[in-house]
Amino acid sequence: RNPKISVRHDVAYWRDDTFAPHIWRFHGVEGICVDVTRCRPISTVGKSRRQVAEEARNAIVKVLRMENSPVRPEFETRPRRATPGA
C-alpha cells in the first residue's frame, strides 16, 4: 500500500543479502500488508540447501496455483557463483 515500497527490493529476501541487515531494513518499512499461507513441512534430511529451497519454491508455487506461470525468479536466470568448499 506504500508506493515507496518495492516488494522485490524491500520485502523479498534474496540476492546476496545477508539476513541480519535485510530483516533490520524490513522492520523499518511501513505500509506492508501480507497474507500468510502455511504449506506442509519440508524434510531437510540428506538434502542440500539448494534442494530444500527448490522444494520450498515448488510448494509455494503449488499453493498459489502458479504452476503454469511463465514468470521465473531473477535468481534462476543469473549465473551462480561458486561457493567455498563446493
Protein backbone atom coordinates (compact mmCIF):
# COMPACT_ATOMS: atom_id res chain seq x y z
CA ARG A 1 0.00 0.00 0.00
CA ASN A 2 3.01 2.25 0.26
CA PRO A 3 4.16 3.32 -3.25
CA LYS A 4 7.71 3.79 -1.95
CA ILE A 5 8.00 0.06 -1.15
CA SER A 6 9.35 -2.38 -3.70
CA VAL A 7 8.46 -6.00 -2.94
CA ARG A 8 11.50 -7.04 -4.97
CA HIS A 9 13.98 -4.86 -3.05
CA ASP A 10 12.42 -4.13 0.34
CA VAL A 11 10.44 -7.26 1.21
CA ALA A 12 11.88 -10.32 -0.58
CA TYR A 13 14.96 -11.93 0.95
CA TRP A 14 17.17 -12.92 -1.95
CA ARG A 15 20.24 -11.98 -3.97
CA ASP A 16 23.43 -11.69 -1.95
CA ASP A 17 21.78 -10.01 1.03
CA THR A 18 22.68 -11.29 4.45
CA PHE A 19 19.80 -11.96 6.80
CA ALA A 20 20.51 -9.51 9.66
CA PRO A 21 20.73 -6.30 7.56
CA HIS A 22 17.75 -7.40 5.47
CA ILE A 23 15.49 -8.06 8.46
CA TRP A 24 16.62 -4.78 10.05
CA ARG A 25 15.61 -2.82 6.90
CA PHE A 26 12.40 -4.83 6.58
CA HIS A 27 11.26 -3.96 10.11
CA GLY A 28 11.72 -0.29 9.29
CA VAL A 29 9.35 -0.40 6.29
CA GLU A 30 5.81 0.86 6.88
CA GLY A 31 2.68 0.03 4.91
CA ILE A 32 3.22 -3.68 4.19
CA CYS A 33 0.09 -5.83 4.05
CA VAL A 34 0.50 -9.62 3.72
CA ASP A 35 -1.47 -12.83 3.60
CA VAL A 36 0.19 -15.85 5.20
CA THR A 37 -0.45 -19.38 3.97
CA ARG A 38 1.10 -22.45 5.56
CA CYS A 39 2.49 -25.28 3.48
CA ARG A 40 3.35 -28.78 4.62
CA PRO A 41 6.69 -29.10 6.42
CA ILE A 42 9.68 -29.97 4.24
CA SER A 43 12.17 -32.55 5.40
CA THR A 44 15.76 -31.38 5.18
CA VAL A 45 17.35 -34.75 5.97
CA GLY A 46 20.00 -35.64 3.42
CA LYS A 47 19.24 -32.63 1.21
CA SER A 48 21.39 -29.69 0.16
CA ARG A 49 20.31 -26.12 0.85
CA ARG A 50 19.54 -25.71 -2.84
CA GLN A 51 17.36 -28.86 -2.89
CA VAL A 52 15.39 -27.64 0.13
CA ALA A 53 14.99 -24.20 -1.48
CA GLU A 54 13.70 -25.73 -4.72
CA GLU A 55 11.25 -27.96 -2.83
CA ALA A 56 10.03 -24.95 -0.83
CA ARG A 57 9.61 -22.91 -4.00
CA ASN A 58 7.65 -25.72 -5.65
CA ALA A 59 5.34 -25.96 -2.63
CA ILE A 60 4.71 -22.21 -2.71
CA VAL A 61 4.05 -22.23 -6.47
CA LYS A 62 1.56 -25.07 -5.97
CA VAL A 63 -0.33 -23.44 -3.08
CA LEU A 64 -0.54 -20.17 -5.03
CA ARG A 65 -1.69 -22.12 -8.11
CA MET A 66 1.08 -20.66 -10.27
CA GLU A 67 2.31 -23.93 -11.82
CA ASN A 68 1.76 -22.63 -15.35
CA SER A 69 3.14 -19.16 -14.75
CA PRO A 70 5.83 -18.18 -17.24
CA VAL A 71 7.40 -15.90 -14.64
CA ARG A 72 10.57 -17.27 -13.08
CA PRO A 73 12.56 -15.53 -10.36
CA GLU A 74 15.53 -13.48 -11.48
CA PHE A 75 17.92 -15.62 -9.44
CA GLU A 76 17.17 -18.64 -11.62
CA THR A 77 18.45 -16.88 -14.73
CA ARG A 78 21.59 -15.26 -13.36
CA PRO A 79 24.93 -17.06 -13.21
CA ARG A 80 25.61 -18.78 -9.90
CA ARG A 81 28.82 -18.02 -8.13
CA ALA A 82 30.95 -20.80 -6.75
CA THR A 83 30.67 -21.41 -3.04
CA PRO A 84 33.80 -22.08 -0.97
CA GLY A 85 34.40 -25.78 -0.48
CA ALA A 86 31.93 -26.79 -3.21
